[in-house]
Amino acid sequence: MTEQNGLYAKMVRVMASMERVPKRGRNAHFNYDFVTDGDVLDAVREALVAEGIAFFVSFNEAVQREKGITTGSFTLTFADAETGQTHDVQWVGEGQDIQDKGAAKAATSAVKYALLKTFLISTGDADDDPDSGDGQPRAQQRRTPKTQGPPPVEVPRDAWEEQENWPHNTPPGGPYLDASEVGVFDTKAGKRHLGFMTDGHKWPDIRWWNGRDALLEAAPWLADSCTKEQLGEMGARFPFTARVYYTENVPGGYKTAERFERID
């Protein structure tokens, strides 16, 4: 076996051959584009076969949660048909289905994102880079300024509602927490809002004031776990494995979410 014919040398050549995979899928309900698993598989399979690399997916375990969410862990194995060398990649995927396809959807998600990350495949969209732009979620970057109208009527506010209109200026690389769930809560004044919890917390550590549409646009992978309507149900909680950057030192001492980085 020569160094040029080893498994890792072949995987380098596969990586070098990869081009951008365009976002040809469309979620019409939430109005965003995504890369389909079929496009990713077609691109990678041809390159692997050309190098004589076999690819296997092994199911390790699955955990079913409420709302039909299945989290599965998988082992992806690359095997060199010439040398017998193998390389394993561990990955986790999530899928939502109230019938019998939760595990299959979790596997689809795991394989797609594992291949994208293993071979550094670009989707060609700058919005996928959390450090692009001004550090604001896409929904905030594209929001059309409101037309000037009469001054609002003064109404009683509690500290949470004061925070909603506080100036947000968290720079890239600012303070953050790693969230595990997003849930729906009421403020003291009875105003419903979304919040992010870290592991083991029952109440939100960080608030999100920009609404469900903006959240699903800023974190499109959330649509794999829930719908916009479910995000409006009081007390609902859904997986949200992401690094949440926030603004601090606002009225009431609460934190306001600014942008997200998905943690795979």
C-alpha atoms as a PDB file:
ATOM      1  CA  MET A   1       0.000   0.000   0.000  1.00  0.00           C
ATOM      2  CA  THR A   2       1.343   3.434  -0.911  1.00  0.00           C
ATOM      3  CA  GLU A   3       0.436   6.680   0.793  1.00  0.00           C
ATOM      4  CA  GLN A   4      -1.304   7.762  -2.404  1.00  0.00           C
ATOM      5  CA  ASN A   5      -3.580   4.710  -2.253  1.00  0.00           C
ATOM      6  CA  GLY A   6      -4.521   4.822   1.450  1.00  0.00           C
ATOM      7  CA  LEU A   7      -8.060   5.533   2.603  1.00  0.00           C
ATOM      8  CA  TYR A   8      -7.300   9.031   3.878  1.00  0.00           C
ATOM      9  CA  ALA A   9      -5.535  10.018   0.666  1.00  0.00           C
ATOM     10  CA  LYS A  10      -8.597   8.868  -1.247  1.00  0.00           C
ATOM     11  CA  MET A  11     -10.915  10.809   1.049  1.00  0.00           C
ATOM     12  CA  VAL A  12      -8.798  13.911   0.435  1.00  0.00           C
ATOM     13  CA  ARG A  13      -9.350  13.441  -3.311  1.00  0.00           C
ATOM     14  CA  VAL A  14     -13.089  13.034  -2.706  1.00  0.00           C
ATOM     15  CA  MET A  15     -13.075  16.255  -0.673  1.00  0.00           C
ATOM     16  CA  ALA A  16     -11.157  18.071  -3.424  1.00  0.00           C
ATOM     17  CA  SER A  17     -13.677  16.957  -6.047  1.00  0.00           C
ATOM     18  CA  MET A  18     -16.694  18.273  -4.183  1.00  0.00           C
ATOM     19  CA  GLU A  19     -18.386  21.368  -5.588  1.00  0.00           C
ATOM     20  CA  ARG A  20     -21.150  23.465  -4.118  1.00  0.00           C
ATOM     21  CA  VAL A  21     -24.457  21.666  -3.693  1.00  0.00           C
ATOM     22  CA  PRO A  22     -27.246  24.148  -4.466  1.00  0.00           C
ATOM     23  CA  LYS A  23     -30.337  24.501  -2.321  1.00  0.00           C
ATOM     24  CA  ARG A  24     -32.944  23.037  -4.660  1.00  0.00           C
ATOM     25  CA  GLY A  25     -35.427  21.988  -1.983  1.00  0.00           C
ATOM     26  CA  ARG A  26     -38.127  24.424  -0.923  1.00  0.00           C
ATOM     27  CA  ASN A  27     -40.198  24.590   2.265  1.00  0.00           C
ATOM     28  CA  ALA A  28     -43.168  26.596   1.014  1.00  0.00           C
ATOM     29  CA  HIS A  29     -44.872  26.698   4.423  1.00  0.00           C
ATOM     30  CA  PHE A  30     -41.939  28.407   6.178  1.00  0.00           C
ATOM     31  CA  ASN A  31     -40.570  30.067   3.035  1.00  0.00           C
ATOM     32  CA  TYR A  32     -36.952  28.863   2.981  1.00  0.00           C
ATOM     33  CA  ASP A  33     -34.697  26.800   0.704  1.00  0.00           C
ATOM     34  CA  PHE A  34     -32.662  23.762   1.746  1.00  0.00           C
ATOM     35  CA  VAL A  35     -30.240  21.190   0.362  1.00  0.00           C
ATOM     36  CA  THR A  36     -31.968  17.879  -0.293  1.00  0.00           C
ATOM     37  CA  ASP A  37     -30.446  14.643   0.922  1.00  0.00           C
ATOM     38  CA  GLY A  38     -30.744  13.255  -2.623  1.00  0.00           C
ATOM     39  CA  ASP A  39     -28.514  15.987  -4.057  1.00  0.00           C
ATOM     40  CA  VAL A  40     -25.904  15.402  -1.333  1.00  0.00           C
ATOM     41  CA  LEU A  41     -25.952  11.610  -1.800  1.00  0.00           C
ATOM     42  CA  ASP A  42     -25.687  11.855  -5.595  1.00  0.00           C
ATOM     43  CA  ALA A  43     -22.655  14.147  -5.372  1.00  0.00           C
ATOM     44  CA  VAL A  44     -20.777  12.128  -2.750  1.00  0.00           C
ATOM     45  CA  ARG A  45     -21.657   8.630  -4.003  1.00  0.00           C
ATOM     46  CA  GLU A  46     -20.121   9.209  -7.444  1.00  0.00           C
ATOM     47  CA  ALA A  47     -16.869  10.484  -5.930  1.00  0.00           C
ATOM     48  CA  LEU A  48     -16.656   7.633  -3.398  1.00  0.00           C
ATOM     49  CA  VAL A  49     -17.220   4.988  -6.061  1.00  0.00           C
ATOM     50  CA  ALA A  50     -14.556   6.555  -8.290  1.00  0.00           C
ATOM     51  CA  GLU A  51     -12.032   6.166  -5.451  1.00  0.00           C
ATOM     52  CA  GLY A  52     -13.176   2.656  -4.474  1.00  0.00           C
ATOM     53  CA  ILE A  53     -14.568   3.694  -1.095  1.00  0.00           C
ATOM     54  CA  ALA A  54     -17.607   1.883   0.286  1.00  0.00           C
ATOM     55  CA  PHE A  55     -19.968   3.645   2.680  1.00  0.00           C
ATOM     56  CA  PHE A  56     -22.056   2.034   5.418  1.00  0.00           C
ATOM     57  CA  VAL A  57     -24.516   3.442   7.943  1.00  0.00           C
ATOM     58  CA  SER A  58     -25.079   1.627  11.258  1.00  0.00           C
ATOM     59  CA  PHE A  59     -27.911   2.464  13.617  1.00  0.00           C
ATOM     60  CA  ASN A  60     -26.834   2.691  17.257  1.00  0.00           C
ATOM     61  CA  GLU A  61     -29.855   3.802  19.289  1.00  0.00           C
ATOM     62  CA  ALA A  62     -32.934   6.003  19.207  1.00  0.00           C
ATOM     63  CA  VAL A  63     -34.755   8.043  21.810  1.00  0.00           C
ATOM     64  CA  GLN A  64     -38.362   9.004  21.254  1.00  0.00           C
ATOM     65  CA  ARG A  65     -39.592  12.243  22.803  1.00  0.00           C
ATOM     66  CA  GLU A  66     -42.943  13.965  22.949  1.00  0.00           C
ATOM     67  CA  LYS A  67     -44.442  15.604  19.845  1.00  0.00           C
ATOM     68  CA  GLY A  68     -43.278  12.637  17.741  1.00  0.00           C
ATOM     69  CA  ILE A  69     -39.585  13.619  17.822  1.00  0.00           C
ATOM     70  CA  THR A  70     -37.030  10.819  17.418  1.00  0.00           C
ATOM     71  CA  THR A  71     -33.330  11.354  18.098  1.00  0.00           C
ATOM     72  CA  GLY A  72     -31.059   8.677  16.667  1.00  0.00           C
ATOM     73  CA  SER A  73     -27.309   8.106  16.882  1.00  0.00           C
ATOM     74  CA  PHE A  74     -25.509   6.563  13.928  1.00  0.00           C
ATOM     75  CA  THR A  75     -22.067   5.319  12.923  1.00  0.00           C
ATOM     76  CA  LEU A  76     -21.007   6.141   9.360  1.00  0.00           C
ATOM     77  CA  THR A  77     -18.193   3.920   8.089  1.00  0.00           C
ATOM     78  CA  PHE A  78     -15.935   4.629   5.104  1.00  0.00           C
ATOM     79  CA  ALA A  79     -14.149   1.473   3.892  1.00  0.00           C
ATOM     80  CA  ASP A  80     -11.361   1.281   1.304  1.00  0.00           C
ATOM     81  CA  ALA A  81     -12.094  -1.637  -1.025  1.00  0.00           C
ATOM     82  CA  GLU A  82      -8.400  -1.849  -1.981  1.00  0.00           C
ATOM     83  CA  THR A  83      -6.680  -1.775   1.400  1.00  0.00           C
ATOM     84  CA  GLY A  84      -9.421  -2.724   3.853  1.00  0.00           C
ATOM     85  CA  GLN A  85      -8.865   0.458   5.859  1.00  0.00           C
ATOM     86  CA  THR A  86     -11.929   1.898   7.576  1.00  0.00           C
ATOM     87  CA  HIS A  87     -12.828   5.202   9.184  1.00  0.00           C
ATOM     88  CA  ASP A  88     -15.865   5.780  11.418  1.00  0.00           C
ATOM     89  CA  VAL A  89     -17.807   9.011  11.886  1.00  0.00           C
ATOM     90  CA  GLN A  90     -20.308   9.324  14.740  1.00  0.00           C
ATOM     91  CA  TRP A  91     -23.388  11.485  14.120  1.00  0.00           C
ATOM     92  CA  VAL A  92     -26.786  12.287  15.625  1.00  0.00           C
ATOM     93  CA  GLY A  93     -29.958  13.093  13.694  1.00  0.00           C
ATOM     94  CA  GLU A  94     -33.476  14.166  14.632  1.00  0.00           C
ATOM     95  CA  GLY A  95     -36.771  13.611  12.856  1.00  0.00           C
ATOM     96  CA  GLN A  96     -40.405  14.305  13.663  1.00  0.00           C
ATOM     97  CA  ASP A  97     -43.196  11.942  12.680  1.00  0.00           C
ATOM     98  CA  ILE A  98     -46.245  10.950  14.697  1.00  0.00           C
ATOM     99  CA  GLN A  99     -46.477   7.571  12.944  1.00  0.00           C
ATOM    100  CA  ASP A 100     -43.588   5.233  12.059  1.00  0.00           C
ATOM    101  CA  LYS A 101     -41.015   7.287  10.150  1.00  0.00           C
ATOM    102  CA  GLY A 102     -39.271   9.165  12.966  1.00  0.00           C
ATOM    103  CA  ALA A 103     -36.169   6.943  12.894  1.00  0.00           C
ATOM    104  CA  ALA A 104     -35.965   7.109   9.097  1.00  0.00           C
ATOM    105  CA  LYS A 105     -36.130  10.906   9.143  1.00  0.00           C
ATOM    106  CA  ALA A 106     -33.457  10.998  11.843  1.00  0.00           C
ATOM    107  CA  ALA A 107     -31.216   8.801   9.680  1.00  0.00           C
ATOM    108  CA  THR A 108     -31.776  11.033   6.642  1.00  0.00           C
ATOM    109  CA  SER A 109     -30.796  14.116   8.628  1.00  0.00           C
ATOM    110  CA  ALA A 110     -27.731  12.444  10.170  1.00  0.00           C
ATOM    111  CA  VAL A 111     -26.335  11.137   6.876  1.00  0.00           C
ATOM    112  CA  LYS A 112     -26.913  14.389   4.981  1.00  0.00           C
ATOM    113  CA  TYR A 113     -25.242  16.649   7.521  1.00  0.00           C
ATOM    114  CA  ALA A 114     -22.436  14.180   8.290  1.00  0.00           C
ATOM    115  CA  LEU A 115     -21.458  14.049   4.612  1.00  0.00           C
ATOM    116  CA  LEU A 116     -21.700  17.836   4.238  1.00  0.00           C
ATOM    117  CA  LYS A 117     -19.398  18.375   7.220  1.00  0.00           C
ATOM    118  CA  THR A 118     -17.013  15.466   6.609  1.00  0.00           C
ATOM    119  CA  PHE A 119     -16.208  16.599   3.066  1.00  0.00           C
ATOM    120  CA  LEU A 120     -16.590  20.351   3.757  1.00  0.00           C
ATOM    121  CA  ILE A 121     -19.277  20.749   1.115  1.00  0.00           C
ATOM    122  CA  SER A 122     -20.578  24.281   0.665  1.00  0.00           C
ATOM    123  CA  THR A 123     -24.220  25.077  -0.057  1.00  0.00           C
ATOM    124  CA  GLY A 124     -23.220  28.434  -1.527  1.00  0.00           C
ATOM    125  CA  ASP A 125     -25.324  30.522   0.835  1.00  0.00           C
ATOM    126  CA  ALA A 126     -23.597  33.169   2.948  1.00  0.00           C
ATOM    127  CA  ASP A 127     -26.567  33.171   5.311  1.00  0.00           C
ATOM    128  CA  ASP A 128     -25.445  29.724   6.516  1.00  0.00           C
ATOM    129  CA  ASP A 129     -22.329  31.320   8.016  1.00  0.00           C
ATOM    130  CA  PRO A 130     -23.110  32.730  11.481  1.00  0.00           C
ATOM    131  CA  ASP A 131     -20.206  35.185  11.136  1.00  0.00           C
ATOM    132  CA  SER A 132     -21.462  36.688   7.869  1.00  0.00           C
ATOM    133  CA  GLY A 133     -23.278  39.993   7.635  1.00  0.00           C
ATOM    134  CA  ASP A 134     -23.788  42.087  10.751  1.00  0.00           C
ATOM    135  CA  GLY A 135     -24.233  39.195  13.167  1.00  0.00           C
ATOM    136  CA  GLN A 136     -28.033  39.562  13.109  1.00  0.00           C
ATOM    137  CA  PRO A 137     -30.386  36.694  12.186  1.00  0.00           C
ATOM    138  CA  ARG A 138     -31.570  36.738   8.572  1.00  0.00           C
ATOM    139  CA  ALA A 139     -35.040  37.759   9.642  1.00  0.00           C
ATOM    140  CA  GLN A 140     -33.619  40.912  11.228  1.00  0.00           C
ATOM    141  CA  GLN A 141     -31.353  41.693   8.254  1.00  0.00           C
ATOM    142  CA  ARG A 142     -34.251  41.597   5.802  1.00  0.00           C
ATOM    143  CA  ARG A 143     -36.947  43.195   7.864  1.00  0.00           C
ATOM    144  CA  THR A 144     -38.529  46.187   6.110  1.00  0.00           C
ATOM    145  CA  PRO A 145     -38.503  49.319   8.294  1.00  0.00           C
ATOM    146  CA  LYS A 146     -41.914  50.239   9.612  1.00  0.00           C
ATOM    147  CA  THR A 147     -43.482  53.414   8.313  1.00  0.00           C
ATOM    148  CA  GLN A 148     -43.662  56.273  10.767  1.00  0.00           C
ATOM    149  CA  GLY A 149     -47.030  56.524  12.467  1.00  0.00           C
ATOM    150  CA  PRO A 150     -48.577  58.189  15.498  1.00  0.00           C
ATOM    151  CA  PRO A 151     -46.782  57.694  18.814  1.00  0.00           C
ATOM    152  CA  PRO A 152     -47.845  54.497  20.573  1.00  0.00           C
ATOM    153  CA  VAL A 153     -50.249  54.617  23.470  1.00  0.00           C
ATOM    154  CA  GLU A 154     -48.444  54.196  26.760  1.00  0.00           C
ATOM    155  CA  VAL A 155     -49.405  50.958  28.480  1.00  0.00           C
ATOM    156  CA  PRO A 156     -48.088  49.362  31.662  1.00  0.00           C
ATOM    157  CA  ARG A 157     -45.033  47.218  31.064  1.00  0.00           C
ATOM    158  CA  ASP A 158     -43.214  44.694  33.121  1.00  0.00           C
ATOM    159  CA  ALA A 159     -39.463  44.165  32.936  1.00  0.00           C
ATOM    160  CA  TRP A 160     -39.747  41.460  30.270  1.00  0.00           C
ATOM    161  CA  GLU A 161     -41.710  43.726  27.958  1.00  0.00           C
ATOM    162  CA  GLU A 162     -39.242  46.575  28.493  1.00  0.00           C
ATOM    163  CA  GLN A 163     -36.537  44.239  27.285  1.00  0.00           C
ATOM    164  CA  GLU A 164     -38.367  43.633  24.023  1.00  0.00           C
ATOM    165  CA  ASN A 165     -37.572  47.133  22.744  1.00  0.00           C
ATOM    166  CA  TRP A 166     -34.127  47.434  24.296  1.00  0.00           C
ATOM    167  CA  PRO A 167     -31.324  48.240  21.803  1.00  0.00           C
ATOM    168  CA  HIS A 168     -29.731  45.023  20.607  1.00  0.00           C
ATOM    169  CA  ASN A 169     -26.085  45.232  19.637  1.00  0.00           C
ATOM    170  CA  THR A 170     -24.393  41.942  20.451  1.00  0.00           C
ATOM    171  CA  PRO A 171     -21.296  41.695  18.226  1.00  0.00           C
ATOM    172  CA  PRO A 172     -20.171  38.410  16.640  1.00  0.00           C
ATOM    173  CA  GLY A 173     -18.386  36.362  19.266  1.00  0.00           C
ATOM    174  CA  GLY A 174     -20.327  38.004  22.104  1.00  0.00           C
ATOM    175  CA  PRO A 175     -21.792  36.235  25.158  1.00  0.00           C
ATOM    176  CA  TYR A 176     -23.661  32.992  24.513  1.00  0.00           C
ATOM    177  CA  LEU A 177     -25.258  29.949  26.091  1.00  0.00           C
ATOM    178  CA  ASP A 178     -25.692  26.484  24.567  1.00  0.00           C
ATOM    179  CA  ALA A 179     -29.434  25.839  24.506  1.00  0.00           C
ATOM    180  CA  SER A 180     -31.114  22.449  24.394  1.00  0.00           C
ATOM    181  CA  GLU A 181     -34.794  23.445  24.123  1.00  0.00           C
ATOM    182  CA  VAL A 182     -37.084  26.240  22.981  1.00  0.00           C
ATOM    183  CA  GLY A 183     -40.409  26.763  24.749  1.00  0.00           C
ATOM    184  CA  VAL A 184     -43.448  29.034  24.927  1.00  0.00           C
ATOM    185  CA  PHE A 185     -44.020  31.159  28.037  1.00  0.00           C
ATOM    186  CA  ASP A 186     -46.124  34.061  29.305  1.00  0.00           C
ATOM    187  CA  THR A 187     -44.705  37.280  30.719  1.00  0.00           C
ATOM    188  CA  LYS A 188     -46.021  38.672  33.983  1.00  0.00           C
ATOM    189  CA  ALA A 189     -48.315  40.903  31.947  1.00  0.00           C
ATOM    190  CA  GLY A 190     -49.722  37.879  30.102  1.00  0.00           C
ATOM    191  CA  LYS A 191     -47.776  38.377  26.870  1.00  0.00           C
ATOM    192  CA  ARG A 192     -46.703  35.150  25.224  1.00  0.00           C
ATOM    193  CA  HIS A 193     -43.089  34.818  24.101  1.00  0.00           C
ATOM    194  CA  LEU A 194     -40.462  32.233  23.135  1.00  0.00           C
ATOM    195  CA  GLY A 195     -37.510  31.337  25.314  1.00  0.00           C
ATOM    196  CA  PHE A 196     -34.461  29.054  25.201  1.00  0.00           C
ATOM    197  CA  MET A 197     -33.484  26.679  27.998  1.00  0.00           C
ATOM    198  CA  THR A 198     -30.146  25.076  28.774  1.00  0.00           C
ATOM    199  CA  ASP A 199     -29.940  21.448  29.924  1.00  0.00           C
ATOM    200  CA  GLY A 200     -32.049  20.725  32.989  1.00  0.00           C
ATOM    201  CA  HIS A 201     -33.725  24.150  33.159  1.00  0.00           C
ATOM    202  CA  LYS A 202     -37.511  24.472  33.298  1.00  0.00           C
ATOM    203  CA  TRP A 203     -37.614  28.219  32.611  1.00  0.00           C
ATOM    204  CA  PRO A 204     -36.005  30.200  29.795  1.00  0.00           C
ATOM    205  CA  ASP A 205     -32.459  31.457  30.184  1.00  0.00           C
ATOM    206  CA  ILE A 206     -32.743  33.656  27.070  1.00  0.00           C
ATOM    207  CA  ARG A 207     -35.784  35.371  25.506  1.00  0.00           C
ATOM    208  CA  TRP A 208     -36.679  35.657  21.815  1.00  0.00           C
ATOM    209  CA  TRP A 209     -38.927  38.613  20.997  1.00  0.00           C
ATOM    210  CA  ASN A 210     -39.030  38.571  17.190  1.00  0.00           C
ATOM    211  CA  GLY A 211     -41.863  36.079  16.731  1.00  0.00           C
ATOM    212  CA  ARG A 212     -42.228  32.585  15.331  1.00  0.00           C
ATOM    213  CA  ASP A 213     -41.682  33.482  11.672  1.00  0.00           C
ATOM    214  CA  ALA A 214     -38.372  35.193  12.435  1.00  0.00           C
ATOM    215  CA  LEU A 215     -37.244  32.298  14.626  1.00  0.00           C
ATOM    216  CA  LEU A 216     -37.945  29.714  11.931  1.00  0.00           C
ATOM    217  CA  GLU A 217     -36.150  31.840   9.359  1.00  0.00           C
ATOM    218  CA  ALA A 218     -33.136  32.427  11.603  1.00  0.00           C
ATOM    219  CA  ALA A 219     -33.015  28.732  12.642  1.00  0.00           C
ATOM    220  CA  PRO A 220     -34.616  26.819   9.716  1.00  0.00           C
ATOM    221  CA  TRP A 221     -33.613  23.410  11.099  1.00  0.00           C
ATOM    222  CA  LEU A 222     -36.208  23.930  13.843  1.00  0.00           C
ATOM    223  CA  ALA A 223     -38.888  23.202  11.221  1.00  0.00           C
ATOM    224  CA  ASP A 224     -37.731  19.551  11.329  1.00  0.00           C
ATOM    225  CA  SER A 225     -39.021  19.345  14.914  1.00  0.00           C
ATOM    226  CA  CYS A 226     -42.142  21.504  15.003  1.00  0.00           C
ATOM    227  CA  THR A 227     -44.488  23.723  13.037  1.00  0.00           C
ATOM    228  CA  LYS A 228     -45.229  27.405  13.422  1.00  0.00           C
ATOM    229  CA  GLU A 229     -48.568  26.517  14.998  1.00  0.00           C
ATOM    230  CA  GLN A 230     -46.927  24.241  17.578  1.00  0.00           C
ATOM    231  CA  LEU A 231     -44.519  27.042  18.464  1.00  0.00           C
ATOM    232  CA  GLY A 232     -47.540  29.080  19.517  1.00  0.00           C
ATOM    233  CA  GLU A 233     -48.897  26.546  22.011  1.00  0.00           C
ATOM    234  CA  MET A 234     -48.479  27.644  25.612  1.00  0.00           C
ATOM    235  CA  GLY A 235     -46.058  25.386  27.481  1.00  0.00           C
ATOM    236  CA  ALA A 236     -44.805  23.634  24.335  1.00  0.00           C
ATOM    237  CA  ARG A 237     -41.117  22.662  24.326  1.00  0.00           C
ATOM    238  CA  PHE A 238     -38.982  21.459  21.422  1.00  0.00           C
ATOM    239  CA  PRO A 239     -35.328  20.470  20.919  1.00  0.00           C
ATOM    240  CA  PHE A 240     -33.100  23.411  19.999  1.00  0.00           C
ATOM    241  CA  THR A 241     -29.491  22.283  20.072  1.00  0.00           C
ATOM    242  CA  ALA A 242     -27.747  25.537  19.259  1.00  0.00           C
ATOM    243  CA  ARG A 243     -25.360  28.158  20.562  1.00  0.00           C
ATOM    244  CA  VAL A 244     -27.449  31.250  21.298  1.00  0.00           C
ATOM    245  CA  TYR A 245     -25.704  34.639  21.295  1.00  0.00           C
ATOM    246  CA  TYR A 246     -27.505  37.257  23.366  1.00  0.00           C
ATOM    247  CA  THR A 247     -27.630  40.848  24.599  1.00  0.00           C
ATOM    248  CA  GLU A 248     -27.225  41.310  28.343  1.00  0.00           C
ATOM    249  CA  ASN A 249     -27.544  44.167  30.848  1.00  0.00           C
ATOM    250  CA  VAL A 250     -31.071  44.974  29.684  1.00  0.00           C
ATOM    251  CA  PRO A 251     -34.006  46.124  31.881  1.00  0.00           C
ATOM    252  CA  GLY A 252     -34.969  43.419  34.337  1.00  0.00           C
ATOM    253  CA  GLY A 253     -31.642  41.617  33.935  1.00  0.00           C
ATOM    254  CA  TYR A 254     -32.932  39.264  31.238  1.00  0.00           C
ATOM    255  CA  LYS A 255     -31.035  38.117  28.139  1.00  0.00           C
ATOM    256  CA  THR A 256     -32.329  38.669  24.600  1.00  0.00           C
ATOM    257  CA  ALA A 257     -31.355  36.210  21.855  1.00  0.00           C
ATOM    258  CA  GLU A 258     -29.676  37.754  18.808  1.00  0.00           C
ATOM    259  CA  ARG A 259     -28.434  34.925  16.588  1.00  0.00           C
ATOM    260  CA  PHE A 260     -27.808  31.169  16.560  1.00  0.00           C
ATOM    261  CA  GLU A 261     -25.190  28.651  15.574  1.00  0.00           C
ATOM    262  CA  ARG A 262     -26.480  25.128  15.200  1.00  0.00           C
ATOM    263  CA  ILE A 263     -24.560  22.517  17.214  1.00  0.00           C
ATOM    264  CA  ASP A 264     -24.548  19.186  15.354  1.00  0.00           C
END
